[in-house]
C-alpha cells in the first residue's frame, strides 16, 4: 500500500522470480482487507483475473478490444508470459497523439524534441 501511495498508482503488477506475470494487486482490495491484514497472505489479494496484451499486439487492436472502465492498467507480456511493461490510458493517449503529428511538427522547438 505504501508503494502504491508513494508512486500515486492504484495497482502493483506481481511477477515471480523469473519475471513471469502472476497477477495484480489493487489498492481497493488492500483497503478492503486492511483491518484484517495480519491474517491475510499476499496470495489472498493477488487477482489473476486481468487483461494483458502481448508485446507485439498492435495499438489498434488494443484500443478496439480493451474496456478501460474495467482495466486501468494492462500488463504487456512476452509470449512466454514474461512481464515486459504495462499500458494505461495515459500511455495509449500519448502514443495515439504522436500518430497525428505532421512531419513538420516533429522538429525541435525551444530545445525540446517532440
PDB file of N, CA and C in Angstrom:
ATOM      1  N   UNK A   1       0.832  -1.189   0.000  1.00  0.00           N
ATOM      2  CA  UNK A   1       0.000   0.000   0.000  1.00  0.00           C
ATOM      3  C   UNK A   1       0.879   1.256   0.000  1.00  0.00           C
ATOM      4  N   UNK A   2       1.975   1.225   0.759  1.00  0.00           N
ATOM      5  CA  UNK A   2       2.884   2.368   0.799  1.00  0.00           C
ATOM      6  C   UNK A   2       3.513   2.625  -0.568  1.00  0.00           C
ATOM      7  N   UNK A   3       3.883   1.555  -1.267  1.00  0.00           N
ATOM      8  CA  UNK A   3       4.470   1.693  -2.603  1.00  0.00           C
ATOM      9  C   UNK A   3       3.462   2.346  -3.539  1.00  0.00           C
ATOM     10  N   UNK A   4       2.217   1.921  -3.474  1.00  0.00           N
ATOM     11  CA  UNK A   4       1.188   2.480  -4.341  1.00  0.00           C
ATOM     12  C   UNK A   4       0.971   3.954  -4.029  1.00  0.00           C
ATOM     13  N   UNK A   5       0.882   4.298  -2.764  1.00  0.00           N
ATOM     14  CA  UNK A   5       0.666   5.694  -2.382  1.00  0.00           C
ATOM     15  C   UNK A   5       1.854   6.556  -2.778  1.00  0.00           C
ATOM     16  N   UNK A   6       3.053   6.068  -2.544  1.00  0.00           N
ATOM     17  CA  UNK A   6       4.261   6.829  -2.873  1.00  0.00           C
ATOM     18  C   UNK A   6       4.373   7.114  -4.369  1.00  0.00           C
ATOM     19  N   UNK A   7       3.939   6.165  -5.189  1.00  0.00           N
ATOM     20  CA  UNK A   7       4.031   6.306  -6.643  1.00  0.00           C
ATOM     21  C   UNK A   7       2.727   6.766  -7.286  1.00  0.00           C
ATOM     22  N   UNK A   8       1.720   7.063  -6.462  1.00  0.00           N
ATOM     23  CA  UNK A   8       0.420   7.539  -6.943  1.00  0.00           C
ATOM     24  C   UNK A   8      -0.185   6.596  -7.985  1.00  0.00           C
ATOM     25  N   UNK A   9      -0.186   5.313  -7.667  1.00  0.00           N
ATOM     26  CA  UNK A   9      -0.793   4.307  -8.537  1.00  0.00           C
ATOM     27  C   UNK A   9      -1.824   3.520  -7.743  1.00  0.00           C
ATOM     28  N   UNK A  10      -2.717   2.853  -8.457  1.00  0.00           N
ATOM     29  CA  UNK A  10      -3.760   2.094  -7.778  1.00  0.00           C
ATOM     30  C   UNK A  10      -3.576   0.590  -7.891  1.00  0.00           C
ATOM     31  N   UNK A  11      -2.406   0.172  -8.399  1.00  0.00           N
ATOM     32  CA  UNK A  11      -2.170  -1.260  -8.552  1.00  0.00           C
ATOM     33  C   UNK A  11      -0.679  -1.543  -8.630  1.00  0.00           C
ATOM     34  N   UNK A  12      -0.356  -2.812  -8.379  1.00  0.00           N
ATOM     35  CA  UNK A  12       1.024  -3.288  -8.492  1.00  0.00           C
ATOM     36  C   UNK A  12       0.984  -4.586  -9.284  1.00  0.00           C
ATOM     37  N   UNK A  13       1.851  -4.677 -10.288  1.00  0.00           N
ATOM     38  CA  UNK A  13       1.967  -5.906 -11.063  1.00  0.00           C
ATOM     39  C   UNK A  13       2.886  -6.850 -10.311  1.00  0.00           C
ATOM     40  N   UNK A  14       2.474  -8.106 -10.187  1.00  0.00           N
ATOM     41  CA  UNK A  14       3.228  -9.086  -9.412  1.00  0.00           C
ATOM     42  C   UNK A  14       3.805 -10.135 -10.356  1.00  0.00           C
ATOM     43  N   UNK A  15       5.122 -10.364 -10.214  1.00  0.00           N
ATOM     44  CA  UNK A  15       5.800 -11.382 -11.016  1.00  0.00           C
ATOM     45  C   UNK A  15       6.497 -12.374 -10.093  1.00  0.00           C
ATOM     46  N   UNK A  16       6.886 -13.497 -10.660  1.00  0.00           N
ATOM     47  CA  UNK A  16       7.678 -14.454  -9.885  1.00  0.00           C
ATOM     48  C   UNK A  16       9.159 -14.119 -10.045  1.00  0.00           C
ATOM     49  N   UNK A  17      10.023 -14.964  -9.520  1.00  0.00           N
ATOM     50  CA  UNK A  17      11.465 -14.694  -9.562  1.00  0.00           C
ATOM     51  C   UNK A  17      12.042 -14.735 -10.977  1.00  0.00           C
ATOM     52  N   UNK A  18      11.268 -15.236 -11.940  1.00  0.00           N
ATOM     53  CA  UNK A  18      11.717 -15.290 -13.338  1.00  0.00           C
ATOM     54  C   UNK A  18      11.024 -14.226 -14.189  1.00  0.00           C
ATOM     55  N   UNK A  19      10.419 -13.241 -13.534  1.00  0.00           N
ATOM     56  CA  UNK A  19       9.716 -12.141 -14.191  1.00  0.00           C
ATOM     57  C   UNK A  19       8.474 -12.598 -14.957  1.00  0.00           C
ATOM     58  N   UNK A  20       7.918 -13.744 -14.599  1.00  0.00           N
ATOM     59  CA  UNK A  20       6.671 -14.232 -15.205  1.00  0.00           C
ATOM     60  C   UNK A  20       5.503 -13.582 -14.473  1.00  0.00           C
ATOM     61  N   UNK A  21       4.552 -13.105 -15.239  1.00  0.00           N
ATOM     62  CA  UNK A  21       3.395 -12.414 -14.684  1.00  0.00           C
ATOM     63  C   UNK A  21       2.550 -13.372 -13.850  1.00  0.00           C
ATOM     64  N   UNK A  22       2.283 -12.969 -12.605  1.00  0.00           N
ATOM     65  CA  UNK A  22       1.429 -13.756 -11.714  1.00  0.00           C
ATOM     66  C   UNK A  22       0.048 -13.136 -11.614  1.00  0.00           C
ATOM     67  N   UNK A  23      -0.001 -11.828 -11.385  1.00  0.00           N
ATOM     68  CA  UNK A  23      -1.286 -11.158 -11.222  1.00  0.00           C
ATOM     69  C   UNK A  23      -1.109  -9.711 -10.838  1.00  0.00           C
ATOM     70  N   UNK A  24      -2.202  -9.125 -10.359  1.00  0.00           N
ATOM     71  CA  UNK A  24      -2.225  -7.715  -9.986  1.00  0.00           C
ATOM     72  C   UNK A  24      -2.785  -7.581  -8.575  1.00  0.00           C
ATOM     73  N   UNK A  25      -2.210  -6.677  -7.809  1.00  0.00           N
ATOM     74  CA  UNK A  25      -2.779  -6.309  -6.520  1.00  0.00           C
ATOM     75  C   UNK A  25      -3.362  -4.911  -6.684  1.00  0.00           C
ATOM     76  N   UNK A  26      -4.642  -4.758  -6.364  1.00  0.00           N
ATOM     77  CA  UNK A  26      -5.332  -3.473  -6.484  1.00  0.00           C
ATOM     78  C   UNK A  26      -5.427  -2.813  -5.112  1.00  0.00           C
ATOM     79  N   UNK A  27      -5.237  -1.512  -5.087  1.00  0.00           N
ATOM     80  CA  UNK A  27      -5.325  -0.752  -3.834  1.00  0.00           C
ATOM     81  C   UNK A  27      -6.700  -0.928  -3.188  1.00  0.00           C
ATOM     82  N   UNK A  28      -7.749  -0.954  -3.981  1.00  0.00           N
ATOM     83  CA  UNK A  28      -9.105  -1.092  -3.421  1.00  0.00           C
ATOM     84  C   UNK A  28      -9.262  -2.414  -2.678  1.00  0.00           C
ATOM     85  N   UNK A  29      -8.615  -3.462  -3.168  1.00  0.00           N
ATOM     86  CA  UNK A  29      -8.675  -4.751  -2.477  1.00  0.00           C
ATOM     87  C   UNK A  29      -7.888  -4.707  -1.179  1.00  0.00           C
ATOM     88  N   UNK A  30      -6.741  -4.023  -1.195  1.00  0.00           N
ATOM     89  CA  UNK A  30      -5.950  -3.892   0.031  1.00  0.00           C
ATOM     90  C   UNK A  30      -6.699  -3.072   1.077  1.00  0.00           C
ATOM     91  N   UNK A  31      -7.340  -1.980   0.641  1.00  0.00           N
ATOM     92  CA  UNK A  31      -8.100  -1.149   1.588  1.00  0.00           C
ATOM     93  C   UNK A  31      -9.234  -1.938   2.226  1.00  0.00           C
ATOM     94  N   UNK A  32      -9.849  -2.807   1.449  1.00  0.00           N
ATOM     95  CA  UNK A  32     -10.973  -3.603   1.942  1.00  0.00           C
ATOM     96  C   UNK A  32     -10.537  -4.555   3.046  1.00  0.00           C
ATOM     97  N   UNK A  33      -9.335  -5.105   2.932  1.00  0.00           N
ATOM     98  CA  UNK A  33      -8.872  -6.091   3.918  1.00  0.00           C
ATOM     99  C   UNK A  33      -7.935  -5.501   4.966  1.00  0.00           C
ATOM    100  N   UNK A  34      -7.688  -4.189   4.876  1.00  0.00           N
ATOM    101  CA  UNK A  34      -6.734  -3.543   5.776  1.00  0.00           C
ATOM    102  C   UNK A  34      -6.944  -3.870   7.253  1.00  0.00           C
ATOM    103  N   UNK A  35      -8.180  -3.877   7.755  1.00  0.00           N
ATOM    104  CA  UNK A  35      -8.357  -4.208   9.175  1.00  0.00           C
ATOM    105  C   UNK A  35      -7.916  -5.634   9.527  1.00  0.00           C
ATOM    106  N   UNK A  36      -7.862  -6.516   8.543  1.00  0.00           N
ATOM    107  CA  UNK A  36      -7.529  -7.927   8.770  1.00  0.00           C
ATOM    108  C   UNK A  36      -6.166  -8.288   8.189  1.00  0.00           C
ATOM    109  N   UNK A  37      -5.324  -7.302   7.960  1.00  0.00           N
ATOM    110  CA  UNK A  37      -4.076  -7.504   7.230  1.00  0.00           C
ATOM    111  C   UNK A  37      -3.166  -8.559   7.842  1.00  0.00           C
ATOM    112  N   UNK A  38      -3.156  -8.668   9.144  1.00  0.00           N
ATOM    113  CA  UNK A  38      -2.286  -9.660   9.791  1.00  0.00           C
ATOM    114  C   UNK A  38      -2.679 -11.094   9.447  1.00  0.00           C
ATOM    115  N   UNK A  39      -3.942 -11.303   9.129  1.00  0.00           N
ATOM    116  CA  UNK A  39      -4.435 -12.647   8.833  1.00  0.00           C
ATOM    117  C   UNK A  39      -4.425 -12.970   7.344  1.00  0.00           C
ATOM    118  N   UNK A  40      -3.947 -12.044   6.528  1.00  0.00           N
ATOM    119  CA  UNK A  40      -4.025 -12.204   5.075  1.00  0.00           C
ATOM    120  C   UNK A  40      -2.631 -12.426   4.496  1.00  0.00           C
ATOM    121  N   UNK A  41      -2.550 -13.354   3.565  1.00  0.00           N
ATOM    122  CA  UNK A  41      -1.304 -13.616   2.850  1.00  0.00           C
ATOM    123  C   UNK A  41      -1.343 -12.886   1.513  1.00  0.00           C
ATOM    124  N   UNK A  42      -0.175 -12.588   0.971  1.00  0.00           N
ATOM    125  CA  UNK A  42      -0.073 -11.888  -0.304  1.00  0.00           C
ATOM    126  C   UNK A  42      -0.901 -12.588  -1.386  1.00  0.00           C
ATOM    127  N   UNK A  43      -0.861 -13.892  -1.401  1.00  0.00           N
ATOM    128  CA  UNK A  43      -1.595 -14.658  -2.410  1.00  0.00           C
ATOM    129  C   UNK A  43      -3.098 -14.411  -2.331  1.00  0.00           C
ATOM    130  N   UNK A  44      -3.579 -14.000  -1.150  1.00  0.00           N
ATOM    131  CA  UNK A  44      -5.013 -13.764  -0.974  1.00  0.00           C
ATOM    132  C   UNK A  44      -5.497 -12.489  -1.653  1.00  0.00           C
ATOM    133  N   UNK A  45      -4.586 -11.574  -1.968  1.00  0.00           N
ATOM    134  CA  UNK A  45      -5.002 -10.300  -2.568  1.00  0.00           C
ATOM    135  C   UNK A  45      -4.551 -10.148  -4.019  1.00  0.00           C
ATOM    136  N   UNK A  46      -3.812 -11.109  -4.540  1.00  0.00           N
ATOM    137  CA  UNK A  46      -3.417 -11.063  -5.946  1.00  0.00           C
ATOM    138  C   UNK A  46      -4.587 -11.547  -6.790  1.00  0.00           C
ATOM    139  N   UNK A  47      -4.997 -10.726  -7.740  1.00  0.00           N
ATOM    140  CA  UNK A  47      -6.040 -11.159  -8.657  1.00  0.00           C
ATOM    141  C   UNK A  47      -5.395 -11.721  -9.920  1.00  0.00           C
ATOM    142  N   UNK A  48      -5.947 -12.821 -10.371  1.00  0.00           N
ATOM    143  CA  UNK A  48      -5.468 -13.456 -11.602  1.00  0.00           C
ATOM    144  C   UNK A  48      -6.423 -13.159 -12.752  1.00  0.00           C
ATOM    145  N   UNK A  49      -7.458 -12.384 -12.432  1.00  0.00           N
ATOM    146  CA  UNK A  49      -8.474 -12.009 -13.414  1.00  0.00           C
ATOM    147  C   UNK A  49      -8.140 -10.614 -13.945  1.00  0.00           C
ATOM    148  N   UNK A  50      -7.334 -10.557 -14.996  1.00  0.00           N
ATOM    149  CA  UNK A  50      -6.911  -9.291 -15.576  1.00  0.00           C
ATOM    150  C   UNK A  50      -6.703  -9.477 -17.071  1.00  0.00           C
ATOM    151  N   UNK A  51      -6.676  -8.369 -17.768  1.00  0.00           N
ATOM    152  CA  UNK A  51      -6.436  -8.372 -19.211  1.00  0.00           C
ATOM    153  C   UNK A  51      -4.973  -8.017 -19.437  1.00  0.00           C
ATOM    154  N   UNK A  52      -4.297  -8.784 -20.279  1.00  0.00           N
ATOM    155  CA  UNK A  52      -2.926  -8.453 -20.664  1.00  0.00           C
ATOM    156  C   UNK A  52      -2.839  -8.501 -22.182  1.00  0.00           C
ATOM    157  N   UNK A  53      -1.765  -7.928 -22.703  1.00  0.00           N
ATOM    158  CA  UNK A  53      -1.537  -7.964 -24.148  1.00  0.00           C
ATOM    159  C   UNK A  53      -0.112  -8.436 -24.394  1.00  0.00           C
ATOM    160  N   UNK A  54       0.087  -9.021 -25.559  1.00  0.00           N
ATOM    161  CA  UNK A  54       1.439  -9.419 -25.945  1.00  0.00           C
ATOM    162  C   UNK A  54       2.209  -8.201 -26.434  1.00  0.00           C
ATOM    163  N   UNK A  55       3.513  -8.271 -26.333  1.00  0.00           N
ATOM    164  CA  UNK A  55       4.365  -7.159 -26.727  1.00  0.00           C
ATOM    165  C   UNK A  55       4.243  -6.818 -28.204  1.00  0.00           C
ATOM    166  N   UNK A  56       3.779  -7.749 -29.026  1.00  0.00           N
ATOM    167  CA  UNK A  56       3.641  -7.471 -30.455  1.00  0.00           C
ATOM    168  C   UNK A  56       2.198  -7.200 -30.882  1.00  0.00           C
ATOM    169  N   UNK A  57       1.308  -6.979 -29.919  1.00  0.00           N
ATOM    170  CA  UNK A  57      -0.079  -6.633 -30.230  1.00  0.00           C
ATOM    171  C   UNK A  57      -0.133  -5.199 -30.728  1.00  0.00           C
ATOM    172  N   UNK A  58      -0.880  -4.975 -31.799  1.00  0.00           N
ATOM    173  CA  UNK A  58      -0.950  -3.623 -32.370  1.00  0.00           C
ATOM    174  C   UNK A  58      -1.761  -2.703 -31.465  1.00  0.00           C
ATOM    175  N   UNK A  59      -1.426  -1.429 -31.525  1.00  0.00           N
ATOM    176  CA  UNK A  59      -2.151  -0.418 -30.746  1.00  0.00           C
ATOM    177  C   UNK A  59      -3.617  -0.397 -31.175  1.00  0.00           C
ATOM    178  N   UNK A  60      -3.874  -0.524 -32.469  1.00  0.00           N
ATOM    179  CA  UNK A  60      -5.246  -0.524 -32.961  1.00  0.00           C
ATOM    180  C   UNK A  60      -6.058  -1.661 -32.353  1.00  0.00           C
ATOM    181  N   UNK A  61      -5.457  -2.835 -32.261  1.00  0.00           N
ATOM    182  CA  UNK A  61      -6.172  -3.976 -31.684  1.00  0.00           C
ATOM    183  C   UNK A  61      -6.428  -3.747 -30.194  1.00  0.00           C
ATOM    184  N   UNK A  62      -5.447  -3.211 -29.504  1.00  0.00           N
ATOM    185  CA  UNK A  62      -5.602  -2.948 -28.073  1.00  0.00           C
ATOM    186  C   UNK A  62      -6.749  -1.969 -27.844  1.00  0.00           C
ATOM    187  N   UNK A  63      -6.758  -0.888 -28.585  1.00  0.00           N
ATOM    188  CA  UNK A  63      -7.784   0.136 -28.409  1.00  0.00           C
ATOM    189  C   UNK A  63      -9.164  -0.402 -28.738  1.00  0.00           C
ATOM    190  N   UNK A  64      -9.268  -1.244 -29.740  1.00  0.00           N
ATOM    191  CA  UNK A  64     -10.578  -1.743 -30.155  1.00  0.00           C
ATOM    192  C   UNK A  64     -11.116  -2.839 -29.240  1.00  0.00           C
ATOM    193  N   UNK A  65     -10.273  -3.439 -28.400  1.00  0.00           N
ATOM    194  CA  UNK A  65     -10.757  -4.567 -27.597  1.00  0.00           C
ATOM    195  C   UNK A  65     -10.729  -4.343 -26.090  1.00  0.00           C
ATOM    196  N   UNK A  66      -9.996  -3.353 -25.604  1.00  0.00           N
ATOM    197  CA  UNK A  66      -9.854  -3.166 -24.163  1.00  0.00           C
ATOM    198  C   UNK A  66     -10.959  -2.261 -23.630  1.00  0.00           C
ATOM    199  N   UNK A  67     -11.560  -2.653 -22.529  1.00  0.00           N
ATOM    200  CA  UNK A  67     -12.542  -1.826 -21.830  1.00  0.00           C
ATOM    201  C   UNK A  67     -11.834  -1.164 -20.659  1.00  0.00           C
ATOM    202  N   UNK A  68     -11.527   0.129 -20.791  1.00  0.00           N
ATOM    203  CA  UNK A  68     -10.757   0.821 -19.760  1.00  0.00           C
ATOM    204  C   UNK A  68     -11.561   1.140 -18.519  1.00  0.00           C
ATOM    205  N   UNK A  69     -12.862   0.924 -18.547  1.00  0.00           N
ATOM    206  CA  UNK A  69     -13.638   1.061 -17.316  1.00  0.00           C
ATOM    207  C   UNK A  69     -13.349  -0.119 -16.398  1.00  0.00           C
ATOM    208  N   UNK A  70     -12.877  -1.206 -16.977  1.00  0.00           N
ATOM    209  CA  UNK A  70     -12.542  -2.401 -16.205  1.00  0.00           C
ATOM    210  C   UNK A  70     -11.039  -2.487 -15.990  1.00  0.00           C
ATOM    211  N   UNK A  71     -10.262  -2.215 -17.023  1.00  0.00           N
ATOM    212  CA  UNK A  71      -8.816  -2.394 -16.966  1.00  0.00           C
ATOM    213  C   UNK A  71      -8.095  -1.057 -16.901  1.00  0.00           C
ATOM    214  N   UNK A  72      -7.674  -0.643 -15.735  1.00  0.00           N
ATOM    215  CA  UNK A  72      -6.944   0.606 -15.607  1.00  0.00           C
ATOM    216  C   UNK A  72      -5.501   0.455 -16.044  1.00  0.00           C
ATOM    217  N   UNK A  73      -4.930  -0.693 -15.783  1.00  0.00           N
ATOM    218  CA  UNK A  73      -3.549  -0.979 -16.166  1.00  0.00           C
ATOM    219  C   UNK A  73      -3.547  -2.295 -16.924  1.00  0.00           C
ATOM    220  N   UNK A  74      -2.739  -2.346 -17.961  1.00  0.00           N
ATOM    221  CA  UNK A  74      -2.688  -3.550 -18.788  1.00  0.00           C
ATOM    222  C   UNK A  74      -1.250  -4.034 -18.849  1.00  0.00           C
ATOM    223  N   UNK A  75      -0.970  -5.189 -18.278  1.00  0.00           N
ATOM    224  CA  UNK A  75       0.380  -5.741 -18.388  1.00  0.00           C
ATOM    225  C   UNK A  75       0.703  -6.100 -19.841  1.00  0.00           C
ATOM    226  N   UNK A  76       1.922  -5.799 -20.248  1.00  0.00           N
ATOM    227  CA  UNK A  76       2.417  -6.202 -21.567  1.00  0.00           C
ATOM    228  C   UNK A  76       3.383  -7.345 -21.321  1.00  0.00           C
ATOM    229  N   UNK A  77       3.079  -8.506 -21.903  1.00  0.00           N
ATOM    230  CA  UNK A  77       3.869  -9.702 -21.644  1.00  0.00           C
ATOM    231  C   UNK A  77       4.410 -10.291 -22.946  1.00  0.00           C
ATOM    232  N   UNK A  78       5.485 -11.058 -22.803  1.00  0.00           N
ATOM    233  CA  UNK A  78       6.012 -11.806 -23.947  1.00  0.00           C
ATOM    234  C   UNK A  78       5.130 -13.033 -24.138  1.00  0.00           C
ATOM    235  N   UNK A  79       5.364 -13.759 -25.209  1.00  0.00           N
ATOM    236  CA  UNK A  79       4.589 -14.977 -25.432  1.00  0.00           C
ATOM    237  C   UNK A  79       4.944 -16.053 -24.403  1.00  0.00           C
ATOM    238  N   UNK A  80       6.015 -15.851 -23.659  1.00  0.00           N
ATOM    239  CA  UNK A  80       6.392 -16.759 -22.565  1.00  0.00           C
ATOM    240  C   UNK A  80       5.869 -16.238 -21.221  1.00  0.00           C
ATOM    241  N   UNK A  81       4.983 -15.243 -21.265  1.00  0.00           N
ATOM    242  CA  UNK A  81       4.352 -14.638 -20.088  1.00  0.00           C
ATOM    243  C   UNK A  81       5.316 -13.849 -19.201  1.00  0.00           C
ATOM    244  N   UNK A  82       6.425 -13.376 -19.766  1.00  0.00           N
ATOM    245  CA  UNK A  82       7.345 -12.516 -19.021  1.00  0.00           C
ATOM    246  C   UNK A  82       6.829 -11.088 -19.092  1.00  0.00           C
ATOM    247  N   UNK A  83       6.841 -10.396 -17.975  1.00  0.00           N
ATOM    248  CA  UNK A  83       6.379  -9.013 -17.940  1.00  0.00           C
ATOM    249  C   UNK A  83       7.377  -8.124 -18.678  1.00  0.00           C
ATOM    250  N   UNK A  84       6.891  -7.421 -19.687  1.00  0.00           N
ATOM    251  CA  UNK A  84       7.739  -6.536 -20.483  1.00  0.00           C
ATOM    252  C   UNK A  84       7.495  -5.072 -20.140  1.00  0.00           C
ATOM    253  N   UNK A  85       6.336  -4.775 -19.573  1.00  0.00           N
ATOM    254  CA  UNK A  85       5.958  -3.408 -19.248  1.00  0.00           C
ATOM    255  C   UNK A  85       4.472  -3.347 -19.000  1.00  0.00           C
ATOM    256  N   UNK A  86       3.916  -2.159 -19.151  1.00  0.00           N
ATOM    257  CA  UNK A  86       2.483  -2.010 -18.957  1.00  0.00           C
ATOM    258  C   UNK A  86       1.966  -0.852 -19.800  1.00  0.00           C
ATOM    259  N   UNK A  87       0.663  -0.842 -19.993  1.00  0.00           N
ATOM    260  CA  UNK A  87      -0.026   0.243 -20.669  1.00  0.00           C
ATOM    261  C   UNK A  87      -1.092   0.786 -19.733  1.00  0.00           C
ATOM    262  N   UNK A  88      -1.404   2.055 -19.897  1.00  0.00           N
ATOM    263  CA  UNK A  88      -2.558   2.644 -19.225  1.00  0.00           C
ATOM    264  C   UNK A  88      -3.150   3.676 -20.178  1.00  0.00           C
ATOM    265  N   UNK A  89      -4.209   4.334 -19.774  1.00  0.00           N
ATOM    266  CA  UNK A  89      -4.866   5.300 -20.654  1.00  0.00           C
ATOM    267  C   UNK A  89      -3.914   6.407 -21.081  1.00  0.00           C
ATOM    268  N   UNK A  90      -3.123   6.892 -20.162  1.00  0.00           N
ATOM    269  CA  UNK A  90      -2.214   7.997 -20.451  1.00  0.00           C
ATOM    270  C   UNK A  90      -1.181   7.606 -21.515  1.00  0.00           C
ATOM    271  N   UNK A  91      -0.605   6.431 -21.383  1.00  0.00           N
ATOM    272  CA  UNK A  91       0.396   5.961 -22.352  1.00  0.00           C
ATOM    273  C   UNK A  91      -0.237   5.788 -23.737  1.00  0.00           C
ATOM    274  N   UNK A  92      -1.417   5.194 -23.784  1.00  0.00           N
ATOM    275  CA  UNK A  92      -2.072   4.997 -25.076  1.00  0.00           C
ATOM    276  C   UNK A  92      -2.460   6.324 -25.716  1.00  0.00           C
ATOM    277  N   UNK A  93      -2.940   7.258 -24.918  1.00  0.00           N
ATOM    278  CA  UNK A  93      -3.300   8.570 -25.453  1.00  0.00           C
ATOM    279  C   UNK A  93      -2.076   9.270 -26.018  1.00  0.00           C
ATOM    280  N   UNK A  94      -0.972   9.186 -25.316  1.00  0.00           N
ATOM    281  CA  UNK A  94       0.268   9.790 -25.784  1.00  0.00           C
ATOM    282  C   UNK A  94       0.728   9.150 -27.095  1.00  0.00           C
ATOM    283  N   UNK A  95       0.647   7.832 -27.168  1.00  0.00           N
ATOM    284  CA  UNK A  95       1.038   7.109 -28.382  1.00  0.00           C
ATOM    285  C   UNK A  95       0.144   7.496 -29.550  1.00  0.00           C
ATOM    286  N   UNK A  96      -1.153   7.563 -29.297  1.00  0.00           N
ATOM    287  CA  UNK A  96      -2.084   7.931 -30.362  1.00  0.00           C
ATOM    288  C   UNK A  96      -1.872   9.362 -30.830  1.00  0.00           C
ATOM    289  N   UNK A  97      -1.625  10.263 -29.913  1.00  0.00           N
ATOM    290  CA  UNK A  97      -1.463  11.660 -30.302  1.00  0.00           C
ATOM    291  C   UNK A  97      -0.230  11.848 -31.178  1.00  0.00           C
ATOM    292  N   UNK A  98       0.807  11.048 -30.988  1.00  0.00           N
ATOM    293  CA  UNK A  98       2.010  11.141 -31.818  1.00  0.00           C
ATOM    294  C   UNK A  98       1.738  10.715 -33.254  1.00  0.00           C
ATOM    295  N   UNK A  99       0.724   9.872 -33.456  1.00  0.00           N
ATOM    296  CA  UNK A  99       0.393   9.435 -34.811  1.00  0.00           C
ATOM    297  C   UNK A  99      -0.121  10.586 -35.664  1.00  0.00           C
ATOM    298  N   UNK A 100      -0.705  11.590 -35.025  1.00  0.00           N
ATOM    299  CA  UNK A 100      -1.352  12.669 -35.757  1.00  0.00           C
ATOM    300  C   UNK A 100      -0.511  13.936 -35.814  1.00  0.00           C
ATOM    301  N   UNK A 101       0.749  13.834 -35.442  1.00  0.00           N
ATOM    302  CA  UNK A 101       1.657  14.972 -35.548  1.00  0.00           C
ATOM    303  C   UNK A 101       2.319  14.899 -36.920  1.00  0.00           C
ATOM    304  N   UNK A 102       2.247  16.006 -37.673  1.00  0.00           N
ATOM    305  CA  UNK A 102       2.834  16.009 -39.013  1.00  0.00           C
ATOM    306  C   UNK A 102       4.352  15.991 -38.922  1.00  0.00           C
ATOM    307  N   UNK A 103       4.998  15.648 -40.033  1.00  0.00           N
ATOM    308  CA  UNK A 103       6.460  15.612 -40.078  1.00  0.00           C
ATOM    309  C   UNK A 103       7.052  16.979 -39.755  1.00  0.00           C
ATOM    310  N   UNK A 104       6.407  18.055 -40.203  1.00  0.00           N
ATOM    311  CA  UNK A 104       6.898  19.403 -39.920  1.00  0.00           C
ATOM    312  C   UNK A 104       6.863  19.711 -38.431  1.00  0.00           C
ATOM    313  N   UNK A 105       5.889  19.156 -37.719  1.00  0.00           N
ATOM    314  CA  UNK A 105       5.760  19.404 -36.284  1.00  0.00           C
ATOM    315  C   UNK A 105       6.730  18.563 -35.467  1.00  0.00           C
ATOM    316  N   UNK A 106       7.305  17.526 -36.063  1.00  0.00           N
ATOM    317  CA  UNK A 106       8.240  16.651 -35.364  1.00  0.00           C
ATOM    318  C   UNK A 106       9.649  17.222 -35.428  1.00  0.00           C
ATOM    319  N   UNK A 107       9.773  18.437 -35.039  1.00  0.00           N
ATOM    320  CA  UNK A 107      11.063  19.105 -35.071  1.00  0.00           C
ATOM    321  C   UNK A 107      11.390  19.640 -33.689  1.00  0.00           C
ATOM    322  N   UNK A 108      12.539  20.257 -33.607  1.00  0.00           N
ATOM    323  CA  UNK A 108      12.987  20.791 -32.333  1.00  0.00           C
ATOM    324  C   UNK A 108      12.349  22.151 -32.088  1.00  0.00           C
ATOM    325  N   UNK A 109      11.713  22.324 -30.928  1.00  0.00           N
ATOM    326  CA  UNK A 109      11.105  23.574 -30.517  1.00  0.00           C
ATOM    327  C   UNK A 109      11.631  23.935 -29.142  1.00  0.00           C
ATOM    328  N   UNK A 110      12.242  25.101 -29.039  1.00  0.00           N
ATOM    329  CA  UNK A 110      12.741  25.571 -27.740  1.00  0.00           C
ATOM    330  C   UNK A 110      13.632  24.539 -27.049  1.00  0.00           C
ATOM    331  N   UNK A 111      14.415  23.807 -27.824  1.00  0.00           N
ATOM    332  CA  UNK A 111      15.338  22.843 -27.229  1.00  0.00           C
ATOM    333  C   UNK A 111      14.708  21.524 -26.859  1.00  0.00           C
ATOM    334  N   UNK A 112      13.422  21.342 -27.161  1.00  0.00           N
ATOM    335  CA  UNK A 112      12.742  20.080 -26.828  1.00  0.00           C
ATOM    336  C   UNK A 112      12.394  19.386 -28.135  1.00  0.00           C
ATOM    337  N   UNK A 113      12.780  18.149 -28.257  1.00  0.00           N
ATOM    338  CA  UNK A 113      12.452  17.370 -29.453  1.00  0.00           C
ATOM    339  C   UNK A 113      11.145  16.651 -29.200  1.00  0.00           C
ATOM    340  N   UNK A 114      10.173  16.897 -30.072  1.00  0.00           N
ATOM    341  CA  UNK A 114       8.870  16.240 -29.906  1.00  0.00           C
ATOM    342  C   UNK A 114       8.582  15.355 -31.097  1.00  0.00           C
TER     343      UNK A 114
END
